[in-house]
Amino acid sequence: MYALFDDFMDSTLRDSPTLTSSLGLDKETLAWTKSKLGDASLTAVAESKAKTTRKLAQLRAIDRSKISGVDAITYDTVAFTLEVEDEGNRRFDYGGGGSGAPYILTQLTGSYQSIPDFMDNQHTIETKADADAYLSRMEAFAVLLDQEAAIVRHDAGLGVIAPDFAIDKALVQYQAMLRTAPSETTLVNSLVRRTREKSISGDWAKQALGLYADRVQPALKRQVDLLTAQRSKAVHDAGCWRLPEGEAYYETSLKQYTTAKISPDEVHKLGLDLVASLSAEADVLMRKIGYSRGTVGERYRVLATDPKMLYPNTDAGKAELLAHLNGLIKTVTAKLPAYFGQLPKAPLEIRRVPPAIEAGQPGGYYDSPPLDGSRPGIYWINLRDTAENPKWGLPTLSYHEGIPGHHLQLALKNEAEALPLIRKVQGFSGYSEGWALYAETLAVEMGMYDRDPVGHIGMLHDALFRAVRLVVDSGMHAKRWNREQALKFYIDHIGDAEPAAITEIERYAVWPGQASSYMVGKITWLRGRERARKALGARFDIRRFHDAGLLAGGVPLTVLDNVIDDYIAAAKGR
């Protein structure tokens, strides 16, 4: 079985050179991938679909009934991935195949916005060969842009055109790129800067500028012309229900992202119930600290602008903010042995998002350690404006992105010797984002808010944010809510500023189902823990529970339920 999985992984790496580089595997036998970006032609899309079907048939030829333990977890995890992918491939002939992202070019999708960042951060440059490979990838980028345009034209023939607001935002981003002097673009500047830093001789600026002007820029302009022409045909409807088999597309996308057995109606009801209960909980805490006027959403709006809740937007204020975050992580790390049996070896570092790129980055995010352990896990905090990160929101952000959230889970997965490469590479939003949200609740149980009621209110804000996501995601894609209806519900219940709310709502419109994965995952972790606690009584050990769930590696939520059931059975046996 594992030989078959190795073959699957080898095929994936050969077809996905960007993944190979991201994993740090573009060396030795795979060194040739470092000069490529992959093939996104319509022919390649069809071949990829056929490969998935063949892989699924090969997997199903193995007798699942004869497999148990870790092998069964691995089999079920790979099977789930292939089955959902194959289902999407067979049912939907748009979006490049599969489900979860029906539009090739939007404000969030498309190589125009992902490849320059990939080239800057994932394509390593240590030698002249690395720099030459970078230039080859610049040329491949131009090809990729035209391949994407061909898919967009194909999809338009099926009636699949992105919503007007998604095209508008994309065009704003394209125009900003095209207005930038070629020498100042990320794509050109990254090569010039890094070859200079490594003292790699050669006229890299001339070569990169030539490729950008002759190949990349014209291809970008062709995409702009295509989207501009499509804008007149675009509609304002936000949901994918309007697309061919749109309702089924959303159901499959929910399955892909949440990896749970949950219907759009169940998602919507869960969201409404949680919004009501979390709002009530926040109301109680707000009243205790003197915030009693207005709705919960209105009070969160007041908290967000209260000067007492903000660090000064100065170098000293930003240094104080970073020191506070490091203090939080140090405190929570000291508490981990009471809750976890196995802890990651990789350290966690908190770093400021580089000022050169902070304008386009989110408020906080995490980069896991590479498989070779060559660098730590990094929790990036964006300090472009301290007003974007009020004091009351920083603790839960840190526990989510760092410890006991993403760093704990992802570093343990990377370090798990029993997991084959295919399992380390696979990621499941329902599991990993669900864990990070569960970790926010765990931080409450660990006492991290015992002397910080304002931070606890911030934790409830983020939980409410994810509950609202359930409502508006299913609202737009299953209940046929329009963009404005979703936006109003969002702002009314969590009080975020309209520009930030618009960004969120428009994100959910082009990634149907993804926003629901967070809270569905958290609820699955919590229900699994409660199931174990009831079944085991006094024998329940939270450290063993966490080890069982985390050391299994990232899995679909349906498989996580099986993992927890196996843990319960084993604990009863002990």
Protein backbone atom coordinates (compact mmCIF):
# COMPACT_ATOMS: atom_id res chain seq x y z
CA MET A 1 0.00 0.00 0.00
CA TYR A 2 2.73 2.46 0.92
CA ALA A 3 4.56 1.81 -2.33
CA LEU A 4 1.38 2.88 -4.11
CA PHE A 5 1.20 6.02 -1.98
CA ASP A 6 4.82 6.80 -2.83
CA ASP A 7 3.90 6.51 -6.51
CA PHE A 8 0.95 8.87 -5.96
CA MET A 9 3.23 11.36 -4.21
CA ASP A 10 5.90 11.15 -6.90
CA SER A 11 3.26 11.84 -9.54
CA THR A 12 1.96 14.83 -7.58
CA LEU A 13 5.42 16.34 -7.14
CA ARG A 14 6.24 15.94 -10.83
CA ASP A 15 2.95 17.57 -11.82
CA SER A 16 3.22 20.34 -9.21
CA PRO A 17 6.69 21.93 -9.28
CA THR A 18 5.53 24.78 -7.06
CA LEU A 19 4.53 22.28 -4.36
CA THR A 20 7.91 20.59 -4.71
CA SER A 21 9.67 23.90 -4.07
CA SER A 22 7.36 24.81 -1.19
CA LEU A 23 8.30 21.55 0.52
CA GLY A 24 12.00 22.09 -0.10
CA LEU A 25 12.16 18.96 -2.26
CA ASP A 26 13.34 20.57 -5.50
CA LYS A 27 16.76 18.96 -5.14
CA GLU A 28 18.61 15.90 -6.42
CA THR A 29 16.24 13.77 -8.54
CA LEU A 30 13.60 16.51 -8.52
CA ALA A 31 16.01 19.39 -9.18
CA TRP A 32 14.57 19.72 -12.70
CA THR A 33 11.25 20.91 -11.22
CA LYS A 34 12.86 24.11 -9.95
CA SER A 35 12.75 25.68 -13.40
CA LYS A 36 9.06 24.89 -13.98
CA LEU A 37 5.65 26.00 -12.71
CA GLY A 38 3.39 23.23 -13.95
CA ASP A 39 0.96 22.85 -16.84
CA ALA A 40 -2.51 24.42 -16.58
CA SER A 41 -3.59 23.88 -20.16
CA LEU A 42 -7.03 22.43 -20.89
CA THR A 43 -5.28 19.25 -22.04
CA ALA A 44 -3.37 19.02 -18.76
CA VAL A 45 -6.60 19.59 -16.79
CA ALA A 46 -8.22 16.65 -18.60
CA GLU A 47 -5.14 14.46 -18.01
CA SER A 48 -5.16 15.37 -14.33
CA LYS A 49 -8.78 14.30 -14.00
CA ALA A 50 -7.98 10.97 -15.64
CA LYS A 51 -5.04 10.44 -13.26
CA THR A 52 -7.29 10.98 -10.25
CA THR A 53 -9.75 8.39 -11.55
CA ARG A 54 -6.91 5.89 -12.11
CA LYS A 55 -5.47 6.49 -8.64
CA LEU A 56 -8.86 5.95 -7.04
CA ALA A 57 -9.30 2.68 -8.90
CA GLN A 58 -5.84 1.53 -7.79
CA LEU A 59 -6.63 2.39 -4.18
CA ARG A 60 -9.98 0.62 -4.23
CA ALA A 61 -8.26 -2.52 -5.48
CA ILE A 62 -6.76 -2.83 -1.97
CA ASP A 63 -8.96 -4.72 0.48
CA ARG A 64 -9.80 -2.12 3.14
CA SER A 65 -11.23 -4.77 5.49
CA LYS A 66 -7.74 -6.20 6.01
CA ILE A 67 -6.26 -2.89 7.14
CA SER A 68 -6.30 -1.49 10.67
CA GLY A 69 -4.60 1.04 12.95
CA VAL A 70 -2.45 3.77 11.43
CA ASP A 71 -2.61 2.06 8.03
CA ALA A 72 -6.40 2.35 8.05
CA ILE A 73 -6.19 6.05 8.93
CA THR A 74 -3.83 6.63 6.03
CA TYR A 75 -5.97 4.61 3.61
CA ASP A 76 -9.17 6.44 4.61
CA THR A 77 -7.48 9.83 4.41
CA VAL A 78 -6.10 9.28 0.92
CA ALA A 79 -9.39 7.71 -0.18
CA PHE A 80 -11.42 10.69 1.01
CA THR A 81 -9.18 13.11 -0.89
CA LEU A 82 -9.36 11.16 -4.13
CA GLU A 83 -13.11 10.53 -3.86
CA VAL A 84 -14.03 14.19 -3.37
CA GLU A 85 -11.64 15.28 -6.10
CA ASP A 86 -13.03 12.66 -8.49
CA GLU A 87 -16.60 13.62 -7.65
CA GLY A 88 -15.88 17.25 -8.49
CA ASN A 89 -14.01 16.33 -11.66
CA ARG A 90 -16.87 14.18 -12.94
CA ARG A 91 -19.67 16.62 -12.12
CA PHE A 92 -18.24 20.06 -12.89
CA ASP A 93 -16.43 21.07 -16.05
CA TYR A 94 -15.34 24.49 -14.89
CA GLY A 95 -12.91 26.09 -12.48
CA GLY A 96 -10.09 23.91 -13.72
CA GLY A 97 -11.78 20.80 -12.34
CA GLY A 98 -12.91 19.74 -8.90
CA SER A 99 -14.76 22.06 -6.54
CA GLY A 100 -14.15 24.86 -4.05
CA ALA A 101 -13.07 27.61 -6.47
CA PRO A 102 -15.34 27.99 -9.49
CA TYR A 103 -13.59 31.02 -10.99
CA ILE A 104 -10.01 30.93 -12.31
CA LEU A 105 -9.38 34.69 -12.05
CA THR A 106 -10.71 36.80 -9.19
CA GLN A 107 -9.34 39.05 -6.47
CA LEU A 108 -8.11 35.92 -4.68
CA THR A 109 -7.52 33.34 -7.40
CA GLY A 110 -5.14 33.29 -10.32
CA SER A 111 -1.40 33.02 -10.75
CA TYR A 112 -1.15 36.79 -11.34
CA GLN A 113 -1.34 37.28 -7.57
CA SER A 114 0.12 34.00 -6.29
CA ILE A 115 3.20 33.37 -8.43
CA PRO A 116 5.16 36.59 -7.71
CA ASP A 117 4.80 35.90 -3.97
CA PHE A 118 5.74 32.24 -4.50
CA MET A 119 8.83 33.24 -6.47
CA ASP A 120 9.91 35.67 -3.76
CA ASN A 121 9.31 33.41 -0.77
CA GLN A 122 9.47 29.79 -1.94
CA HIS A 123 11.96 29.74 -4.82
CA THR A 124 15.30 29.65 -3.00
CA ILE A 125 18.37 31.25 -4.56
CA GLU A 126 21.78 30.07 -3.42
CA THR A 127 23.59 29.43 -6.73
CA LYS A 128 23.72 30.60 -10.33
CA ALA A 129 21.67 27.53 -11.28
CA ASP A 130 18.93 28.67 -8.89
CA ALA A 131 18.92 32.11 -10.50
CA ASP A 132 18.77 30.60 -13.99
CA ALA A 133 15.86 28.44 -12.85
CA TYR A 134 14.15 31.62 -11.60
CA LEU A 135 14.40 33.12 -15.09
CA SER A 136 12.97 29.93 -16.59
CA ARG A 137 10.07 30.20 -14.19
CA MET A 138 9.47 33.80 -15.22
CA GLU A 139 9.09 32.57 -18.79
CA ALA A 140 6.83 29.75 -17.61
CA PHE A 141 4.74 32.31 -15.73
CA ALA A 142 3.82 34.00 -19.00
CA VAL A 143 2.74 30.65 -20.44
CA LEU A 144 0.70 29.90 -17.32
CA LEU A 145 -1.13 33.24 -17.56
CA ASP A 146 -2.26 32.41 -21.11
CA GLN A 147 -3.27 28.88 -20.10
CA GLU A 148 -5.48 30.33 -17.38
CA ALA A 149 -7.03 32.72 -19.88
CA ALA A 150 -7.94 29.75 -22.07
CA ILE A 151 -9.76 28.12 -19.14
CA VAL A 152 -11.59 31.38 -18.39
CA ARG A 153 -12.82 31.51 -22.00
CA HIS A 154 -13.84 27.84 -21.83
CA ASP A 155 -15.77 28.41 -18.60
CA ALA A 156 -17.48 31.52 -19.96
CA GLY A 157 -18.86 29.32 -22.73
CA LEU A 158 -20.61 27.33 -19.98
CA GLY A 159 -22.00 30.48 -18.40
CA VAL A 160 -19.41 30.61 -15.61
CA ILE A 161 -18.25 34.19 -15.08
CA ALA A 162 -17.12 35.61 -11.74
CA PRO A 163 -19.41 38.12 -9.96
CA ASP A 164 -18.99 41.76 -10.96
CA PHE A 165 -17.44 42.77 -7.63
CA ALA A 166 -14.83 39.99 -7.85
CA ILE A 167 -13.81 41.11 -11.34
CA ASP A 168 -13.69 44.74 -10.23
CA LYS A 169 -11.33 43.95 -7.34
CA ALA A 170 -9.16 41.78 -9.56
CA LEU A 171 -8.84 44.56 -12.14
CA VAL A 172 -7.79 47.01 -9.43
CA GLN A 173 -5.00 44.62 -8.45
CA TYR A 174 -3.92 44.05 -12.05
CA GLN A 175 -3.75 47.77 -12.71
CA ALA A 176 -1.66 48.33 -9.59
CA MET A 177 0.78 45.68 -10.82
CA LEU A 178 0.94 47.13 -14.31
CA ARG A 179 1.47 50.67 -13.00
CA THR A 180 4.48 49.50 -10.99
CA ALA A 181 7.82 50.16 -12.69
CA PRO A 182 9.15 46.80 -13.95
CA SER A 183 12.31 47.15 -11.86
CA GLU A 184 10.16 47.62 -8.75
CA THR A 185 7.90 44.61 -9.29
CA THR A 186 8.25 41.75 -6.83
CA LEU A 187 9.08 39.40 -9.68
CA VAL A 188 12.08 41.38 -10.96
CA ASN A 189 13.25 42.92 -7.71
CA SER A 190 13.37 39.59 -5.89
CA LEU A 191 15.88 38.09 -8.32
CA VAL A 192 18.04 41.20 -8.48
CA ARG A 193 18.09 41.67 -4.72
CA ARG A 194 18.83 38.06 -3.82
CA THR A 195 21.55 37.46 -6.42
CA ARG A 196 23.23 40.61 -5.14
CA GLU A 197 22.97 39.39 -1.54
CA LYS A 198 24.50 36.04 -2.51
CA SER A 199 27.16 37.68 -4.73
CA ILE A 200 26.07 35.64 -7.76
CA SER A 201 27.68 37.30 -10.78
CA GLY A 202 25.65 38.11 -13.89
CA ASP A 203 23.45 40.84 -15.33
CA TRP A 204 20.30 39.53 -13.68
CA ALA A 205 18.46 42.84 -13.84
CA LYS A 206 18.78 43.00 -17.62
CA GLN A 207 17.61 39.42 -18.11
CA ALA A 208 14.69 39.71 -15.70
CA LEU A 209 13.56 43.06 -17.08
CA GLY A 210 13.71 41.68 -20.62
CA LEU A 211 11.55 38.68 -19.74
CA TYR A 212 9.11 40.83 -17.82
CA ALA A 213 8.70 43.32 -20.66
CA ASP A 214 8.60 40.78 -23.51
CA ARG A 215 6.66 37.91 -21.96
CA VAL A 216 5.08 38.52 -18.55
CA GLN A 217 3.66 42.03 -18.92
CA PRO A 218 1.95 41.34 -22.26
CA ALA A 219 0.37 38.16 -20.80
CA LEU A 220 -0.89 40.13 -17.80
CA LYS A 221 -2.41 42.70 -20.14
CA ARG A 222 -4.13 39.92 -22.10
CA GLN A 223 -5.77 38.73 -18.88
CA VAL A 224 -6.85 42.30 -18.13
CA ASP A 225 -8.41 42.61 -21.58
CA LEU A 226 -10.23 39.31 -21.08
CA LEU A 227 -11.65 40.26 -17.68
CA THR A 228 -12.58 43.72 -18.91
CA ALA A 229 -14.58 42.14 -21.74
CA GLN A 230 -16.27 39.75 -19.31
CA ARG A 231 -17.19 42.53 -16.89
CA SER A 232 -20.11 43.64 -19.06
CA LYS A 233 -21.58 40.12 -18.84
CA ALA A 234 -21.00 39.65 -15.12
CA VAL A 235 -23.88 39.58 -12.65
CA HIS A 236 -23.98 40.75 -9.04
CA ASP A 237 -25.24 37.45 -7.59
CA ALA A 238 -22.69 36.26 -5.03
CA GLY A 239 -23.61 32.59 -4.74
CA CYS A 240 -22.54 29.64 -6.84
CA TRP A 241 -26.16 28.43 -6.98
CA ARG A 242 -26.45 30.29 -10.31
CA LEU A 243 -23.74 28.16 -11.97
CA PRO A 244 -24.29 24.86 -13.83
CA GLU A 245 -25.34 22.35 -11.13
CA GLY A 246 -24.58 25.16 -8.70
CA GLU A 247 -26.38 23.71 -5.70
CA ALA A 248 -24.47 20.44 -6.10
CA TYR A 249 -21.27 22.43 -6.55
CA TYR A 250 -21.74 24.03 -3.14
CA GLU A 251 -22.52 20.69 -1.48
CA THR A 252 -19.35 19.16 -2.94
CA SER A 253 -17.32 22.23 -1.96
CA LEU A 254 -18.62 21.94 1.62
CA LYS A 255 -17.55 18.31 1.63
CA GLN A 256 -14.13 19.22 0.26
CA TYR A 257 -13.40 21.97 2.77
CA THR A 258 -15.15 20.76 5.93
CA THR A 259 -14.46 17.05 5.24
CA ALA A 260 -17.56 16.40 7.33
CA LYS A 261 -20.98 14.95 6.63
CA ILE A 262 -22.97 18.16 6.86
CA SER A 263 -25.59 19.71 4.58
CA PRO A 264 -25.97 23.39 3.66
CA ASP A 265 -29.13 23.60 5.79
CA GLU A 266 -27.28 22.11 8.78
CA VAL A 267 -24.44 24.58 8.30
CA HIS A 268 -26.90 27.47 8.27
CA LYS A 269 -28.76 26.34 11.39
CA LEU A 270 -25.53 25.62 13.27
CA GLY A 271 -24.35 29.12 12.44
CA LEU A 272 -27.54 30.83 13.60
CA ASP A 273 -27.56 28.85 16.86
CA LEU A 274 -23.93 29.67 17.60
CA VAL A 275 -24.35 33.36 16.76
CA ALA A 276 -27.16 33.54 19.32
CA SER A 277 -25.31 31.64 22.10
CA LEU A 278 -21.94 33.37 21.60
CA SER A 279 -23.56 36.81 21.46
CA ALA A 280 -25.28 36.10 24.78
CA GLU A 281 -21.98 35.02 26.33
CA ALA A 282 -20.20 38.13 25.07
CA ASP A 283 -23.01 40.34 26.37
CA VAL A 284 -22.48 39.05 29.92
CA LEU A 285 -18.73 39.74 29.87
CA MET A 286 -19.16 43.14 28.24
CA ARG A 287 -21.57 44.25 30.93
CA LYS A 288 -19.07 43.20 33.60
CA ILE A 289 -16.47 45.65 32.28
CA GLY A 290 -18.94 48.47 31.74
CA TYR A 291 -19.98 48.06 28.09
CA SER A 292 -23.76 47.74 28.23
CA ARG A 293 -25.21 50.05 25.59
CA GLY A 294 -26.20 48.87 22.13
CA THR A 295 -26.10 45.48 20.47
CA VAL A 296 -23.13 43.18 20.90
CA GLY A 297 -21.99 44.12 17.40
CA GLU A 298 -22.21 47.83 18.21
CA ARG A 299 -20.24 47.34 21.42
CA TYR A 300 -17.52 45.46 19.55
CA ARG A 301 -17.33 48.46 17.20
CA VAL A 302 -16.77 50.75 20.19
CA LEU A 303 -14.11 48.42 21.61
CA ALA A 304 -12.29 48.40 18.28
CA THR A 305 -11.83 52.18 18.33
CA ASP A 306 -11.32 52.76 22.07
CA PRO A 307 -7.85 54.37 22.40
CA LYS A 308 -7.26 52.38 25.60
CA MET A 309 -7.47 49.21 23.52
CA LEU A 310 -4.80 50.24 21.01
CA TYR A 311 -1.03 50.25 21.04
CA PRO A 312 0.56 53.50 19.81
CA ASN A 313 1.23 53.32 16.08
CA THR A 314 4.90 54.09 16.66
CA ASP A 315 8.11 52.07 16.69
CA ALA A 316 7.94 51.96 20.48
CA GLY A 317 4.29 50.90 20.42
CA LYS A 318 5.02 48.14 17.92
CA ALA A 319 7.94 46.91 20.01
CA GLU A 320 5.66 46.82 23.06
CA LEU A 321 3.08 44.82 21.08
CA LEU A 322 5.69 42.24 20.03
CA ALA A 323 6.98 41.94 23.58
CA HIS A 324 3.42 41.32 24.78
CA LEU A 325 2.90 38.54 22.23
CA ASN A 326 6.16 36.86 23.20
CA GLY A 327 5.07 37.01 26.82
CA LEU A 328 1.74 35.35 26.03
CA ILE A 329 3.41 32.53 24.11
CA LYS A 330 5.96 31.99 26.90
CA THR A 331 3.16 31.73 29.47
CA VAL A 332 0.97 29.34 27.49
CA THR A 333 3.97 27.17 26.52
CA ALA A 334 4.74 26.59 30.20
CA LYS A 335 1.22 25.18 30.64
CA LEU A 336 1.41 22.68 27.75
CA PRO A 337 2.71 19.59 29.64
CA ALA A 338 -0.53 19.42 31.63
CA TYR A 339 -2.52 19.15 28.38
CA PHE A 340 -0.28 17.35 25.88
CA GLY A 341 1.87 14.24 26.10
CA GLN A 342 4.02 14.96 23.05
CA LEU A 343 5.21 18.42 22.09
CA PRO A 344 6.93 19.57 18.88
CA LYS A 345 10.70 19.93 18.69
CA ALA A 346 10.53 22.88 16.29
CA PRO A 347 10.53 26.24 18.08
CA LEU A 348 8.07 29.03 17.35
CA GLU A 349 9.23 32.53 16.45
CA ILE A 350 7.09 35.65 16.29
CA ARG A 351 8.16 37.95 13.49
CA ARG A 352 6.89 41.19 12.08
CA VAL A 353 5.61 41.02 8.50
CA PRO A 354 8.32 42.80 6.47
CA PRO A 355 7.25 46.42 5.89
CA ALA A 356 7.89 46.02 2.16
CA ILE A 357 4.96 43.59 1.80
CA GLU A 358 2.78 44.37 4.81
CA ALA A 359 0.25 46.38 2.80
CA GLY A 360 -1.11 43.29 1.08
CA GLN A 361 -0.83 40.77 3.93
CA PRO A 362 -3.42 39.71 6.54
CA GLY A 363 -3.22 40.73 10.18
CA GLY A 364 -1.57 37.53 11.34
CA TYR A 365 -0.69 34.15 9.85
CA TYR A 366 1.53 31.13 10.36
CA ASP A 367 4.23 29.38 8.30
CA SER A 368 4.96 25.83 9.43
CA PRO A 369 8.52 24.49 9.64
CA PRO A 370 9.70 22.74 6.44
CA LEU A 371 9.99 18.97 6.45
CA ASP A 372 13.77 19.16 6.83
CA GLY A 373 13.47 21.25 10.02
CA SER A 374 15.75 23.93 8.59
CA ARG A 375 13.78 26.80 10.11
CA PRO A 376 11.31 27.30 12.97
CA GLY A 377 7.59 27.76 12.74
CA ILE A 378 6.85 31.45 12.24
CA TYR A 379 3.89 33.42 13.53
CA TRP A 380 3.79 36.58 11.44
CA ILE A 381 2.10 39.68 12.87
CA ASN A 382 1.26 42.62 10.61
CA LEU A 383 2.22 45.95 12.20
CA ARG A 384 1.40 48.31 9.33
CA ASP A 385 -1.12 49.95 11.67
CA THR A 386 -1.52 48.88 15.29
CA ALA A 387 -5.19 50.00 15.17
CA GLU A 388 -5.88 46.90 13.05
CA ASN A 389 -4.92 44.67 15.99
CA PRO A 390 -6.63 45.94 19.18
CA LYS A 391 -5.22 44.63 22.43
CA TRP A 392 -8.33 42.55 23.08
CA GLY A 393 -7.89 40.59 19.84
CA LEU A 394 -4.19 39.75 20.13
CA PRO A 395 -4.30 36.88 22.66
CA THR A 396 -6.70 34.68 20.70
CA LEU A 397 -4.89 35.46 17.44
CA SER A 398 -1.66 34.27 19.06
CA TYR A 399 -3.16 31.09 20.49
CA HIS A 400 -4.77 30.36 17.08
CA GLU A 401 -1.73 30.97 14.88
CA GLY A 402 0.94 29.90 17.36
CA ILE A 403 0.54 27.83 20.51
CA PRO A 404 -1.52 25.73 21.16
CA GLY A 405 -2.93 26.28 17.65
CA HIS A 406 -1.35 25.92 14.24
CA HIS A 407 2.26 25.58 15.39
CA LEU A 408 1.55 22.74 17.77
CA GLN A 409 -0.53 20.80 15.24
CA LEU A 410 1.52 21.37 12.08
CA ALA A 411 4.95 20.97 13.65
CA LEU A 412 3.88 17.67 15.21
CA LYS A 413 2.58 16.49 11.84
CA ASN A 414 5.86 17.35 10.11
CA GLU A 415 7.86 15.56 12.80
CA ALA A 416 5.73 12.39 12.86
CA GLU A 417 8.07 9.63 11.65
CA ALA A 418 5.26 7.13 11.08
CA LEU A 419 3.49 9.29 8.50
CA PRO A 420 4.34 8.80 4.81
CA LEU A 421 5.12 11.91 2.77
CA ILE A 422 1.68 11.93 1.15
CA ARG A 423 0.11 12.36 4.59
CA LYS A 424 2.47 15.16 5.60
CA VAL A 425 1.69 17.07 2.43
CA GLN A 426 -2.08 16.70 2.60
CA GLY A 427 -3.90 19.49 4.39
CA PHE A 428 -7.51 19.60 5.54
CA SER A 429 -9.02 22.93 6.46
CA GLY A 430 -11.71 21.36 8.63
CA TYR A 431 -9.07 19.56 10.72
CA SER A 432 -6.32 22.19 10.95
CA GLU A 433 -8.47 25.32 11.19
CA GLY A 434 -10.86 23.41 13.42
CA TRP A 435 -7.94 22.57 15.70
CA ALA A 436 -6.81 26.20 15.79
CA LEU A 437 -10.31 27.32 16.80
CA TYR A 438 -10.49 24.52 19.36
CA ALA A 439 -7.13 25.79 20.66
CA GLU A 440 -8.72 29.21 21.24
CA THR A 441 -11.29 27.56 23.53
CA LEU A 442 -8.56 25.42 25.13
CA ALA A 443 -6.69 28.61 26.03
CA VAL A 444 -9.73 29.66 28.08
CA GLU A 445 -9.66 26.31 29.88
CA MET A 446 -5.91 26.69 30.47
CA GLY A 447 -6.60 29.88 32.41
CA MET A 448 -5.11 32.29 29.90
CA TYR A 449 -8.02 34.71 30.38
CA ASP A 450 -8.51 34.38 34.14
CA ARG A 451 -7.11 37.89 34.65
CA ASP A 452 -7.93 39.20 31.19
CA PRO A 453 -11.70 39.63 30.71
CA VAL A 454 -11.14 41.94 27.75
CA GLY A 455 -9.03 39.28 26.05
CA HIS A 456 -11.82 36.77 26.73
CA ILE A 457 -14.25 39.13 25.00
CA GLY A 458 -11.81 39.16 22.08
CA MET A 459 -11.80 35.38 22.03
CA LEU A 460 -15.61 35.40 21.84
CA HIS A 461 -15.46 37.94 19.01
CA ASP A 462 -13.32 35.57 16.95
CA ALA A 463 -15.59 32.62 17.74
CA LEU A 464 -18.59 34.75 16.76
CA PHE A 465 -16.77 35.73 13.58
CA ARG A 466 -16.46 32.05 12.60
CA ALA A 467 -20.12 31.39 13.50
CA VAL A 468 -21.20 34.32 11.32
CA ARG A 469 -19.16 32.78 8.51
CA LEU A 470 -21.35 29.67 8.64
CA VAL A 471 -24.45 31.80 8.18
CA VAL A 472 -23.24 34.03 5.36
CA ASP A 473 -21.38 31.29 3.46
CA SER A 474 -24.44 29.05 3.36
CA GLY A 475 -26.64 32.13 3.01
CA MET A 476 -25.00 33.24 -0.24
CA HIS A 477 -24.44 29.83 -1.80
CA ALA A 478 -27.51 27.88 -0.65
CA LYS A 479 -30.10 30.43 0.53
CA ARG A 480 -29.49 32.80 -2.38
CA TRP A 481 -28.59 35.79 -0.22
CA ASN A 482 -27.07 38.67 -2.14
CA ARG A 483 -23.75 40.27 -1.26
CA GLU A 484 -25.38 43.14 0.61
CA GLN A 485 -27.60 40.88 2.69
CA ALA A 486 -24.58 38.85 3.76
CA LEU A 487 -22.60 42.02 4.47
CA LYS A 488 -25.34 43.44 6.71
CA PHE A 489 -25.63 40.24 8.75
CA TYR A 490 -21.84 40.16 9.17
CA ILE A 491 -21.49 43.78 10.32
CA ASP A 492 -24.58 43.73 12.54
CA HIS A 493 -23.34 40.77 14.56
CA ILE A 494 -19.61 41.38 15.01
CA GLY A 495 -19.28 45.10 14.39
CA ASP A 496 -16.23 44.99 12.13
CA ALA A 497 -15.54 47.99 9.93
CA GLU A 498 -17.22 47.82 6.53
CA PRO A 499 -14.03 47.65 4.40
CA ALA A 500 -12.80 44.59 6.35
CA ALA A 501 -16.27 43.04 6.22
CA ILE A 502 -16.48 43.54 2.45
CA THR A 503 -13.13 41.78 1.99
CA GLU A 504 -14.40 38.81 3.98
CA ILE A 505 -17.79 38.54 2.26
CA GLU A 506 -16.24 38.76 -1.20
CA ARG A 507 -13.73 36.09 -0.22
CA TYR A 508 -16.52 33.68 0.72
CA ALA A 509 -18.25 34.39 -2.60
CA VAL A 510 -15.33 33.04 -4.65
CA TRP A 511 -14.35 30.20 -2.28
CA PRO A 512 -17.70 28.51 -1.55
CA GLY A 513 -17.57 26.29 1.51
CA GLN A 514 -14.10 27.25 2.72
CA ALA A 515 -15.30 29.70 5.36
CA SER A 516 -17.51 27.03 6.94
CA SER A 517 -14.64 24.63 7.55
CA TYR A 518 -13.29 26.48 10.61
CA MET A 519 -16.26 26.24 12.94
CA VAL A 520 -17.41 22.83 11.68
CA GLY A 521 -13.93 21.58 12.53
CA LYS A 522 -13.96 23.13 16.00
CA ILE A 523 -17.35 21.62 16.78
CA THR A 524 -16.09 18.19 15.65
CA TRP A 525 -13.09 18.41 18.00
CA LEU A 526 -15.29 19.52 20.90
CA ARG A 527 -17.93 16.86 20.30
CA GLY A 528 -15.25 14.20 20.00
CA ARG A 529 -13.73 15.25 23.30
CA GLU A 530 -17.10 15.22 25.03
CA ARG A 531 -17.83 11.78 23.55
CA ALA A 532 -14.54 10.49 24.95
CA ARG A 533 -15.08 12.13 28.33
CA LYS A 534 -18.52 10.54 28.72
CA ALA A 535 -17.35 7.13 27.56
CA LEU A 536 -14.23 7.04 29.76
CA GLY A 537 -15.32 8.92 32.86
CA ALA A 538 -12.49 9.00 35.38
CA ARG A 539 -10.15 7.29 32.88
CA PHE A 540 -10.33 10.24 30.49
CA ASP A 541 -6.92 11.91 30.13
CA ILE A 542 -6.90 15.10 28.07
CA ARG A 543 -3.22 14.59 27.24
CA ARG A 544 -3.91 11.20 25.69
CA PHE A 545 -6.93 12.60 23.87
CA HIS A 546 -4.89 15.39 22.32
CA ASP A 547 -2.05 13.03 21.41
CA ALA A 548 -4.48 10.64 19.74
CA GLY A 549 -6.01 13.39 17.60
CA LEU A 550 -2.79 15.22 16.73
CA LEU A 551 -0.34 12.36 16.21
CA ALA A 552 -2.70 10.80 13.68
CA GLY A 553 -1.70 13.70 11.42
CA GLY A 554 -4.09 15.88 9.43
CA VAL A 555 -7.18 13.88 8.50
CA PRO A 556 -10.70 14.50 7.20
CA LEU A 557 -13.17 15.13 10.03
CA THR A 558 -14.97 11.90 9.18
CA VAL A 559 -11.68 10.08 9.82
CA LEU A 560 -11.02 12.12 12.98
CA ASP A 561 -14.24 10.72 14.42
CA ASN A 562 -12.89 7.20 13.76
CA VAL A 563 -9.55 8.13 15.35
CA ILE A 564 -11.32 9.31 18.50
CA ASP A 565 -13.49 6.16 18.60
CA ASP A 566 -10.34 4.04 18.35
CA TYR A 567 -8.75 6.06 21.17
CA ILE A 568 -11.84 5.46 23.34
CA ALA A 569 -11.78 1.73 22.65
CA ALA A 570 -8.06 1.50 23.44
CA ALA A 571 -8.46 3.54 26.64
CA LYS A 572 -11.25 1.23 27.79
CA GLY A 573 -8.98 -1.72 27.12
CA ARG A 574 -6.25 -0.21 29.28
